[in-house]
Amino acid sequence: MKTVGLKVLKNKLSEYVRAAENGETFLIADRDRVVAELVPPAESRSPRVADAVLADLVRNGLLTPALHPPGPPPPSTPVAPWTELARELAQDREDR
């Protein structure tokens, strides 16, 4: 574990973030006082930011996951030709 000052960290942030991504841990110091840690993400952490945020919300009890998995995906082929859909839409609007 290495220690880095705020000024050095600010000037070389991307370098330290890449090192943390590769497994290194850094103590961040401000005037010889440790104020934070820069650590690699936990192995269980999703690489996608949105997934990680959702997982944290669930862990903190702020979000409840769905009880049932989502249904089948929508069909990849059209269910009807566009002309038929447009005709039905126009007819539905006329009925109002």
PDB file of N, CA and C in Angstrom:
ATOM      1  N   MET A   1       0.846  -1.166   0.000  1.00  0.00           N
ATOM      2  CA  MET A   1       0.000   0.000   0.000  1.00  0.00           C
ATOM      3  C   MET A   1       0.891   1.229   0.000  1.00  0.00           C
ATOM      4  N   LYS A   2       0.576   2.149  -0.920  1.00  0.00           N
ATOM      5  CA  LYS A   2       1.368   3.364  -1.056  1.00  0.00           C
ATOM      6  C   LYS A   2       0.543   4.562  -0.600  1.00  0.00           C
ATOM      7  N   THR A   3       1.238   5.631  -0.260  1.00  0.00           N
ATOM      8  CA  THR A   3       0.586   6.873   0.139  1.00  0.00           C
ATOM      9  C   THR A   3       0.872   7.928  -0.918  1.00  0.00           C
ATOM     10  N   VAL A   4      -0.151   8.722  -1.235  1.00  0.00           N
ATOM     11  CA  VAL A   4       0.009   9.782  -2.218  1.00  0.00           C
ATOM     12  C   VAL A   4      -0.672  11.036  -1.674  1.00  0.00           C
ATOM     13  N   GLY A   5      -0.022  12.167  -1.888  1.00  0.00           N
ATOM     14  CA  GLY A   5      -0.593  13.444  -1.461  1.00  0.00           C
ATOM     15  C   GLY A   5      -1.655  13.922  -2.443  1.00  0.00           C
ATOM     16  N   LEU A   6      -2.522  14.787  -1.966  1.00  0.00           N
ATOM     17  CA  LEU A   6      -3.606  15.300  -2.802  1.00  0.00           C
ATOM     18  C   LEU A   6      -3.099  15.993  -4.062  1.00  0.00           C
ATOM     19  N   LYS A   7      -2.069  16.806  -3.932  1.00  0.00           N
ATOM     20  CA  LYS A   7      -1.562  17.558  -5.079  1.00  0.00           C
ATOM     21  C   LYS A   7      -1.019  16.618  -6.152  1.00  0.00           C
ATOM     22  N   VAL A   8      -0.242  15.627  -5.729  1.00  0.00           N
ATOM     23  CA  VAL A   8       0.307  14.650  -6.678  1.00  0.00           C
ATOM     24  C   VAL A   8      -0.823  13.842  -7.302  1.00  0.00           C
ATOM     25  N   LEU A   9      -1.781  13.435  -6.491  1.00  0.00           N
ATOM     26  CA  LEU A   9      -2.923  12.663  -6.998  1.00  0.00           C
ATOM     27  C   LEU A   9      -3.686  13.469  -8.041  1.00  0.00           C
ATOM     28  N   LYS A  10      -3.926  14.744  -7.766  1.00  0.00           N
ATOM     29  CA  LYS A  10      -4.647  15.605  -8.702  1.00  0.00           C
ATOM     30  C   LYS A  10      -3.905  15.695 -10.029  1.00  0.00           C
ATOM     31  N   ASN A  11      -2.599  15.839  -9.966  1.00  0.00           N
ATOM     32  CA  ASN A  11      -1.815  15.998 -11.183  1.00  0.00           C
ATOM     33  C   ASN A  11      -1.645  14.707 -11.977  1.00  0.00           C
ATOM     34  N   LYS A  12      -1.758  13.557 -11.317  1.00  0.00           N
ATOM     35  CA  LYS A  12      -1.546  12.272 -11.995  1.00  0.00           C
ATOM     36  C   LYS A  12      -2.707  11.313 -11.734  1.00  0.00           C
ATOM     37  N   LEU A  13      -3.928  11.858 -11.666  1.00  0.00           N
ATOM     38  CA  LEU A  13      -5.080  11.044 -11.292  1.00  0.00           C
ATOM     39  C   LEU A  13      -5.269   9.832 -12.193  1.00  0.00           C
ATOM     40  N   SER A  14      -5.208  10.012 -13.508  1.00  0.00           N
ATOM     41  CA  SER A  14      -5.446   8.886 -14.405  1.00  0.00           C
ATOM     42  C   SER A  14      -4.412   7.776 -14.193  1.00  0.00           C
ATOM     43  N   GLU A  15      -3.187   8.150 -13.892  1.00  0.00           N
ATOM     44  CA  GLU A  15      -2.134   7.155 -13.626  1.00  0.00           C
ATOM     45  C   GLU A  15      -2.476   6.324 -12.379  1.00  0.00           C
ATOM     46  N   TYR A  16      -2.925   6.995 -11.324  1.00  0.00           N
ATOM     47  CA  TYR A  16      -3.265   6.292 -10.089  1.00  0.00           C
ATOM     48  C   TYR A  16      -4.539   5.449 -10.243  1.00  0.00           C
ATOM     49  N   VAL A  17      -5.477   5.942 -11.017  1.00  0.00           N
ATOM     50  CA  VAL A  17      -6.704   5.165 -11.249  1.00  0.00           C
ATOM     51  C   VAL A  17      -6.378   3.894 -12.021  1.00  0.00           C
ATOM     52  N   ARG A  18      -5.515   3.990 -13.026  1.00  0.00           N
ATOM     53  CA  ARG A  18      -5.111   2.780 -13.762  1.00  0.00           C
ATOM     54  C   ARG A  18      -4.386   1.797 -12.844  1.00  0.00           C
ATOM     55  N   ALA A  19      -3.546   2.303 -11.952  1.00  0.00           N
ATOM     56  CA  ALA A  19      -2.841   1.421 -11.013  1.00  0.00           C
ATOM     57  C   ALA A  19      -3.844   0.751 -10.071  1.00  0.00           C
ATOM     58  N   ALA A  20      -4.845   1.490  -9.615  1.00  0.00           N
ATOM     59  CA  ALA A  20      -5.874   0.900  -8.748  1.00  0.00           C
ATOM     60  C   ALA A  20      -6.665  -0.148  -9.520  1.00  0.00           C
ATOM     61  N   GLU A  21      -6.940   0.114 -10.774  1.00  0.00           N
ATOM     62  CA  GLU A  21      -7.644  -0.856 -11.615  1.00  0.00           C
ATOM     63  C   GLU A  21      -6.846  -2.158 -11.709  1.00  0.00           C
ATOM     64  N   ASN A  22      -5.529  -2.053 -11.656  1.00  0.00           N
ATOM     65  CA  ASN A  22      -4.658  -3.232 -11.726  1.00  0.00           C
ATOM     66  C   ASN A  22      -4.374  -3.852 -10.361  1.00  0.00           C
ATOM     67  N   GLY A  23      -5.075  -3.391  -9.320  1.00  0.00           N
ATOM     68  CA  GLY A  23      -4.972  -4.055  -8.030  1.00  0.00           C
ATOM     69  C   GLY A  23      -4.243  -3.319  -6.924  1.00  0.00           C
ATOM     70  N   GLU A  24      -3.666  -2.167  -7.203  1.00  0.00           N
ATOM     71  CA  GLU A  24      -2.944  -1.428  -6.157  1.00  0.00           C
ATOM     72  C   GLU A  24      -3.904  -0.614  -5.291  1.00  0.00           C
ATOM     73  N   THR A  25      -3.537  -0.433  -4.030  1.00  0.00           N
ATOM     74  CA  THR A  25      -4.307   0.381  -3.099  1.00  0.00           C
ATOM     75  C   THR A  25      -3.458   1.570  -2.668  1.00  0.00           C
ATOM     76  N   PHE A  26      -4.078   2.740  -2.601  1.00  0.00           N
ATOM     77  CA  PHE A  26      -3.361   3.954  -2.223  1.00  0.00           C
ATOM     78  C   PHE A  26      -4.069   4.643  -1.074  1.00  0.00           C
ATOM     79  N   LEU A  27      -3.273   5.117  -0.104  1.00  0.00           N
ATOM     80  CA  LEU A  27      -3.795   5.995   0.935  1.00  0.00           C
ATOM     81  C   LEU A  27      -3.620   7.415   0.430  1.00  0.00           C
ATOM     82  N   ILE A  28      -4.658   8.217   0.528  1.00  0.00           N
ATOM     83  CA  ILE A  28      -4.595   9.593   0.064  1.00  0.00           C
ATOM     84  C   ILE A  28      -4.425  10.488   1.284  1.00  0.00           C
ATOM     85  N   ALA A  29      -3.373  11.295   1.248  1.00  0.00           N
ATOM     86  CA  ALA A  29      -3.041  12.117   2.416  1.00  0.00           C
ATOM     87  C   ALA A  29      -3.188  13.600   2.099  1.00  0.00           C
ATOM     88  N   ASP A  30      -3.622  14.328   3.112  1.00  0.00           N
ATOM     89  CA  ASP A  30      -3.687  15.775   3.039  1.00  0.00           C
ATOM     90  C   ASP A  30      -2.926  16.312   4.242  1.00  0.00           C
ATOM     91  N   ARG A  31      -1.771  16.895   3.996  1.00  0.00           N
ATOM     92  CA  ARG A  31      -0.884  17.395   5.054  1.00  0.00           C
ATOM     93  C   ARG A  31      -0.551  16.306   6.068  1.00  0.00           C
ATOM     94  N   ASP A  32      -0.075  15.179   5.558  1.00  0.00           N
ATOM     95  CA  ASP A  32       0.350  14.022   6.367  1.00  0.00           C
ATOM     96  C   ASP A  32      -0.772  13.403   7.197  1.00  0.00           C
ATOM     97  N   ARG A  33      -2.010  13.601   6.779  1.00  0.00           N
ATOM     98  CA  ARG A  33      -3.146  12.985   7.457  1.00  0.00           C
ATOM     99  C   ARG A  33      -3.926  12.206   6.405  1.00  0.00           C
ATOM    100  N   VAL A  34      -4.153  10.909   6.646  1.00  0.00           N
ATOM    101  CA  VAL A  34      -4.889  10.084   5.689  1.00  0.00           C
ATOM    102  C   VAL A  34      -6.348  10.531   5.670  1.00  0.00           C
ATOM    103  N   VAL A  35      -6.845  10.857   4.470  1.00  0.00           N
ATOM    104  CA  VAL A  35      -8.218  11.341   4.340  1.00  0.00           C
ATOM    105  C   VAL A  35      -9.097  10.419   3.495  1.00  0.00           C
ATOM    106  N   ALA A  36      -8.480   9.506   2.737  1.00  0.00           N
ATOM    107  CA  ALA A  36      -9.262   8.608   1.888  1.00  0.00           C
ATOM    108  C   ALA A  36      -8.380   7.465   1.412  1.00  0.00           C
ATOM    109  N   GLU A  37      -9.014   6.483   0.771  1.00  0.00           N
ATOM    110  CA  GLU A  37      -8.301   5.365   0.151  1.00  0.00           C
ATOM    111  C   GLU A  37      -8.781   5.231  -1.284  1.00  0.00           C
ATOM    112  N   LEU A  38      -7.878   4.905  -2.165  1.00  0.00           N
ATOM    113  CA  LEU A  38      -8.204   4.580  -3.546  1.00  0.00           C
ATOM    114  C   LEU A  38      -7.920   3.093  -3.689  1.00  0.00           C
ATOM    115  N   VAL A  39      -8.975   2.316  -3.881  1.00  0.00           N
ATOM    116  CA  VAL A  39      -8.842   0.857  -3.911  1.00  0.00           C
ATOM    117  C   VAL A  39      -9.425   0.314  -5.208  1.00  0.00           C
ATOM    118  N   PRO A  40      -8.964  -0.864  -5.635  1.00  0.00           N
ATOM    119  CA  PRO A  40      -9.564  -1.479  -6.819  1.00  0.00           C
ATOM    120  C   PRO A  40     -10.989  -1.915  -6.505  1.00  0.00           C
ATOM    121  N   PRO A  41     -11.844  -2.011  -7.512  1.00  0.00           N
ATOM    122  CA  PRO A  41     -13.211  -2.449  -7.258  1.00  0.00           C
ATOM    123  C   PRO A  41     -13.227  -3.903  -6.782  1.00  0.00           C
ATOM    124  N   ALA A  42     -14.200  -4.223  -5.944  1.00  0.00           N
ATOM    125  CA  ALA A  42     -14.339  -5.599  -5.464  1.00  0.00           C
ATOM    126  C   ALA A  42     -14.635  -6.521  -6.641  1.00  0.00           C
ATOM    127  N   GLU A  43     -14.221  -7.770  -6.538  1.00  0.00           N
ATOM    128  CA  GLU A  43     -14.435  -8.724  -7.635  1.00  0.00           C
ATOM    129  C   GLU A  43     -15.918  -8.914  -7.923  1.00  0.00           C
ATOM    130  N   SER A  44     -16.744  -8.757  -6.892  1.00  0.00           N
ATOM    131  CA  SER A  44     -18.179  -8.939  -7.090  1.00  0.00           C
ATOM    132  C   SER A  44     -18.840  -7.730  -7.737  1.00  0.00           C
ATOM    133  N   ARG A  45     -18.110  -6.636  -7.862  1.00  0.00           N
ATOM    134  CA  ARG A  45     -18.652  -5.397  -8.434  1.00  0.00           C
ATOM    135  C   ARG A  45     -18.807  -5.548  -9.935  1.00  0.00           C
ATOM    136  N   SER A  46     -19.941  -5.126 -10.456  1.00  0.00           N
ATOM    137  CA  SER A  46     -20.177  -5.165 -11.899  1.00  0.00           C
ATOM    138  C   SER A  46     -19.283  -4.138 -12.585  1.00  0.00           C
ATOM    139  N   PRO A  47     -18.761  -4.449 -13.767  1.00  0.00           N
ATOM    140  CA  PRO A  47     -17.939  -3.469 -14.470  1.00  0.00           C
ATOM    141  C   PRO A  47     -18.760  -2.304 -15.026  1.00  0.00           C
ATOM    142  N   ARG A  48     -20.082  -2.473 -15.123  1.00  0.00           N
ATOM    143  CA  ARG A  48     -20.939  -1.401 -15.628  1.00  0.00           C
ATOM    144  C   ARG A  48     -21.386  -0.504 -14.478  1.00  0.00           C
ATOM    145  N   VAL A  49     -21.296   0.789 -14.666  1.00  0.00           N
ATOM    146  CA  VAL A  49     -21.639   1.748 -13.622  1.00  0.00           C
ATOM    147  C   VAL A  49     -23.112   1.611 -13.218  1.00  0.00           C
ATOM    148  N   ALA A  50     -24.004   1.501 -14.181  1.00  0.00           N
ATOM    149  CA  ALA A  50     -25.431   1.410 -13.861  1.00  0.00           C
ATOM    150  C   ALA A  50     -25.719   0.180 -13.011  1.00  0.00           C
ATOM    151  N   ASP A  51     -25.114  -0.963 -13.351  1.00  0.00           N
ATOM    152  CA  ASP A  51     -25.324  -2.177 -12.566  1.00  0.00           C
ATOM    153  C   ASP A  51     -24.782  -2.009 -11.153  1.00  0.00           C
ATOM    154  N   ALA A  52     -23.632  -1.364 -11.013  1.00  0.00           N
ATOM    155  CA  ALA A  52     -23.031  -1.166  -9.698  1.00  0.00           C
ATOM    156  C   ALA A  52     -23.903  -0.258  -8.834  1.00  0.00           C
ATOM    157  N   VAL A  53     -24.457   0.776  -9.431  1.00  0.00           N
ATOM    158  CA  VAL A  53     -25.330   1.694  -8.685  1.00  0.00           C
ATOM    159  C   VAL A  53     -26.576   0.957  -8.221  1.00  0.00           C
ATOM    160  N   LEU A  54     -27.181   0.177  -9.115  1.00  0.00           N
ATOM    161  CA  LEU A  54     -28.372  -0.592  -8.737  1.00  0.00           C
ATOM    162  C   LEU A  54     -28.058  -1.588  -7.632  1.00  0.00           C
ATOM    163  N   ALA A  55     -26.913  -2.264  -7.727  1.00  0.00           N
ATOM    164  CA  ALA A  55     -26.535  -3.238  -6.696  1.00  0.00           C
ATOM    165  C   ALA A  55     -26.360  -2.553  -5.348  1.00  0.00           C
ATOM    166  N   ASP A  56     -25.775  -1.362  -5.325  1.00  0.00           N
ATOM    167  CA  ASP A  56     -25.627  -0.620  -4.071  1.00  0.00           C
ATOM    168  C   ASP A  56     -26.983  -0.230  -3.497  1.00  0.00           C
ATOM    169  N   LEU A  57     -27.914   0.172  -4.351  1.00  0.00           N
ATOM    170  CA  LEU A  57     -29.252   0.530  -3.879  1.00  0.00           C
ATOM    171  C   LEU A  57     -29.952  -0.673  -3.250  1.00  0.00           C
ATOM    172  N   VAL A  58     -29.812  -1.838  -3.862  1.00  0.00           N
ATOM    173  CA  VAL A  58     -30.409  -3.059  -3.307  1.00  0.00           C
ATOM    174  C   VAL A  58     -29.749  -3.396  -1.975  1.00  0.00           C
ATOM    175  N   ARG A  59     -28.422  -3.316  -1.927  1.00  0.00           N
ATOM    176  CA  ARG A  59     -27.679  -3.638  -0.703  1.00  0.00           C
ATOM    177  C   ARG A  59     -28.076  -2.722   0.452  1.00  0.00           C
ATOM    178  N   ASN A  60     -28.357  -1.464   0.146  1.00  0.00           N
ATOM    179  CA  ASN A  60     -28.728  -0.495   1.183  1.00  0.00           C
ATOM    180  C   ASN A  60     -30.222  -0.492   1.484  1.00  0.00           C
ATOM    181  N   GLY A  61     -30.979  -1.381   0.842  1.00  0.00           N
ATOM    182  CA  GLY A  61     -32.402  -1.484   1.117  1.00  0.00           C
ATOM    183  C   GLY A  61     -33.244  -0.389   0.500  1.00  0.00           C
ATOM    184  N   LEU A  62     -32.694   0.366  -0.433  1.00  0.00           N
ATOM    185  CA  LEU A  62     -33.439   1.443  -1.072  1.00  0.00           C
ATOM    186  C   LEU A  62     -34.176   0.990  -2.323  1.00  0.00           C
ATOM    187  N   LEU A  63     -33.869  -0.213  -2.788  1.00  0.00           N
ATOM    188  CA  LEU A  63     -34.483  -0.749  -3.987  1.00  0.00           C
ATOM    189  C   LEU A  63     -34.732  -2.234  -3.777  1.00  0.00           C
ATOM    190  N   THR A  64     -35.870  -2.706  -4.223  1.00  0.00           N
ATOM    191  CA  THR A  64     -36.191  -4.129  -4.117  1.00  0.00           C
ATOM    192  C   THR A  64     -36.221  -4.716  -5.521  1.00  0.00           C
ATOM    193  N   PRO A  65     -35.478  -5.794  -5.762  1.00  0.00           N
ATOM    194  CA  PRO A  65     -35.488  -6.379  -7.098  1.00  0.00           C
ATOM    195  C   PRO A  65     -36.841  -7.018  -7.406  1.00  0.00           C
ATOM    196  N   ALA A  66     -37.135  -7.174  -8.681  1.00  0.00           N
ATOM    197  CA  ALA A  66     -38.385  -7.793  -9.115  1.00  0.00           C
ATOM    198  C   ALA A  66     -38.475  -9.223  -8.600  1.00  0.00           C
ATOM    199  N   LEU A  67     -39.688  -9.651  -8.276  1.00  0.00           N
ATOM    200  CA  LEU A  67     -39.877 -11.011  -7.771  1.00  0.00           C
ATOM    201  C   LEU A  67     -39.825 -12.043  -8.890  1.00  0.00           C
ATOM    202  N   HIS A  68     -40.246 -11.642 -10.075  1.00  0.00           N
ATOM    203  CA  HIS A  68     -40.260 -12.563 -11.207  1.00  0.00           C
ATOM    204  C   HIS A  68     -39.311 -12.054 -12.284  1.00  0.00           C
ATOM    205  N   PRO A  69     -38.654 -12.962 -12.983  1.00  0.00           N
ATOM    206  CA  PRO A  69     -37.773 -12.518 -14.067  1.00  0.00           C
ATOM    207  C   PRO A  69     -38.622 -11.912 -15.185  1.00  0.00           C
ATOM    208  N   PRO A  70     -38.032 -11.053 -16.004  1.00  0.00           N
ATOM    209  CA  PRO A  70     -38.800 -10.455 -17.101  1.00  0.00           C
ATOM    210  C   PRO A  70     -39.270 -11.522 -18.072  1.00  0.00           C
ATOM    211  N   GLY A  71     -40.339 -11.224 -18.778  1.00  0.00           N
ATOM    212  CA  GLY A  71     -40.918 -12.165 -19.742  1.00  0.00           C
ATOM    213  C   GLY A  71     -40.030 -12.333 -20.958  1.00  0.00           C
ATOM    214  N   PRO A  72     -40.569 -13.053 -21.935  1.00  0.00           N
ATOM    215  CA  PRO A  72     -39.765 -13.293 -23.148  1.00  0.00           C
ATOM    216  C   PRO A  72     -39.538 -11.980 -23.899  1.00  0.00           C
ATOM    217  N   PRO A  73     -38.465 -11.924 -24.664  1.00  0.00           N
ATOM    218  CA  PRO A  73     -38.191 -10.695 -25.414  1.00  0.00           C
ATOM    219  C   PRO A  73     -39.256 -10.488 -26.489  1.00  0.00           C
ATOM    220  N   PRO A  74     -39.443  -9.251 -26.927  1.00  0.00           N
ATOM    221  CA  PRO A  74     -40.426  -9.000 -27.983  1.00  0.00           C
ATOM    222  C   PRO A  74     -39.995  -9.677 -29.274  1.00  0.00           C
ATOM    223  N   PRO A  75     -40.957  -9.951 -30.147  1.00  0.00           N
ATOM    224  CA  PRO A  75     -40.591 -10.631 -31.398  1.00  0.00           C
ATOM    225  C   PRO A  75     -39.656  -9.772 -32.236  1.00  0.00           C
ATOM    226  N   SER A  76     -38.744 -10.416 -32.908  1.00  0.00           N
ATOM    227  CA  SER A  76     -37.784  -9.671 -33.726  1.00  0.00           C
ATOM    228  C   SER A  76     -38.320  -9.426 -35.126  1.00  0.00           C
ATOM    229  N   THR A  77     -39.411 -10.103 -35.488  1.00  0.00           N
ATOM    230  CA  THR A  77     -40.030  -9.884 -36.798  1.00  0.00           C
ATOM    231  C   THR A  77     -41.322  -9.105 -36.588  1.00  0.00           C
ATOM    232  N   PRO A  78     -41.717  -8.285 -37.529  1.00  0.00           N
ATOM    233  CA  PRO A  78     -42.946  -7.504 -37.375  1.00  0.00           C
ATOM    234  C   PRO A  78     -44.161  -8.419 -37.235  1.00  0.00           C
ATOM    235  N   VAL A  79     -45.114  -7.983 -36.426  1.00  0.00           N
ATOM    236  CA  VAL A  79     -46.332  -8.778 -36.227  1.00  0.00           C
ATOM    237  C   VAL A  79     -47.346  -8.506 -37.332  1.00  0.00           C
ATOM    238  N   ALA A  80     -47.194  -7.366 -38.019  1.00  0.00           N
ATOM    239  CA  ALA A  80     -48.067  -7.026 -39.139  1.00  0.00           C
ATOM    240  C   ALA A  80     -47.347  -5.998 -40.011  1.00  0.00           C
ATOM    241  N   PRO A  81     -47.713  -5.941 -41.285  1.00  0.00           N
ATOM    242  CA  PRO A  81     -47.091  -4.929 -42.149  1.00  0.00           C
ATOM    243  C   PRO A  81     -47.503  -3.525 -41.725  1.00  0.00           C
ATOM    244  N   TRP A  82     -46.648  -2.542 -42.011  1.00  0.00           N
ATOM    245  CA  TRP A  82     -46.907  -1.160 -41.601  1.00  0.00           C
ATOM    246  C   TRP A  82     -48.223  -0.643 -42.181  1.00  0.00           C
ATOM    247  N   THR A  83     -48.518  -0.972 -43.410  1.00  0.00           N
ATOM    248  CA  THR A  83     -49.753  -0.469 -44.020  1.00  0.00           C
ATOM    249  C   THR A  83     -50.979  -0.933 -43.246  1.00  0.00           C
ATOM    250  N   GLU A  84     -50.959  -2.172 -42.797  1.00  0.00           N
ATOM    251  CA  GLU A  84     -52.087  -2.696 -42.010  1.00  0.00           C
ATOM    252  C   GLU A  84     -52.184  -1.996 -40.658  1.00  0.00           C
ATOM    253  N   LEU A  85     -51.045  -1.797 -40.006  1.00  0.00           N
ATOM    254  CA  LEU A  85     -51.046  -1.104 -38.713  1.00  0.00           C
ATOM    255  C   LEU A  85     -51.538   0.332 -38.862  1.00  0.00           C
ATOM    256  N   ALA A  86     -51.094   1.027 -39.914  1.00  0.00           N
ATOM    257  CA  ALA A  86     -51.517   2.408 -40.133  1.00  0.00           C
ATOM    258  C   ALA A  86     -53.014   2.472 -40.418  1.00  0.00           C
ATOM    259  N   ARG A  87     -53.537   1.518 -41.206  1.00  0.00           N
ATOM    260  CA  ARG A  87     -54.965   1.474 -41.502  1.00  0.00           C
ATOM    261  C   ARG A  87     -55.773   1.266 -40.231  1.00  0.00           C
ATOM    262  N   GLU A  88     -55.340   0.326 -39.380  1.00  0.00           N
ATOM    263  CA  GLU A  88     -56.047   0.061 -38.119  1.00  0.00           C
ATOM    264  C   GLU A  88     -55.997   1.271 -37.186  1.00  0.00           C
ATOM    265  N   LEU A  89     -54.880   1.949 -37.149  1.00  0.00           N
ATOM    266  CA  LEU A  89     -54.749   3.147 -36.318  1.00  0.00           C
ATOM    267  C   LEU A  89     -55.695   4.245 -36.800  1.00  0.00           C
ATOM    268  N   ALA A  90     -55.730   4.463 -38.115  1.00  0.00           N
ATOM    269  CA  ALA A  90     -56.632   5.480 -38.664  1.00  0.00           C
ATOM    270  C   ALA A  90     -58.090   5.118 -38.378  1.00  0.00           C
ATOM    271  N   GLN A  91     -58.422   3.843 -38.500  1.00  0.00           N
ATOM    272  CA  GLN A  91     -59.792   3.403 -38.228  1.00  0.00           C
ATOM    273  C   GLN A  91     -60.140   3.598 -36.766  1.00  0.00           C
ATOM    274  N   ASP A  92     -59.213   3.303 -35.883  1.00  0.00           N
ATOM    275  CA  ASP A  92     -59.450   3.479 -34.450  1.00  0.00           C
ATOM    276  C   ASP A  92     -59.672   4.951 -34.113  1.00  0.00           C
ATOM    277  N   ARG A  93     -58.948   5.845 -34.770  1.00  0.00           N
ATOM    278  CA  ARG A  93     -59.103   7.273 -34.530  1.00  0.00           C
ATOM    279  C   ARG A  93     -60.435   7.792 -35.070  1.00  0.00           C
ATOM    280  N   GLU A  94     -60.914   7.204 -36.143  1.00  0.00           N
ATOM    281  CA  GLU A  94     -62.203   7.608 -36.698  1.00  0.00           C
ATOM    282  C   GLU A  94     -63.350   7.231 -35.771  1.00  0.00           C
ATOM    283  N   ASP A  95     -63.201   6.151 -35.025  1.00  0.00           N
ATOM    284  CA  ASP A  95     -64.250   5.670 -34.144  1.00  0.00           C
ATOM    285  C   ASP A  95     -64.474   6.587 -32.942  1.00  0.00           C
ATOM    286  N   ARG A  96     -63.601   7.487 -32.684  1.00  0.00           N
ATOM    287  CA  ARG A  96     -63.711   8.351 -31.496  1.00  0.00           C
ATOM    288  C   ARG A  96     -64.586   9.532 -31.729  1.00  0.00           C
TER     289      ARG A  96
END
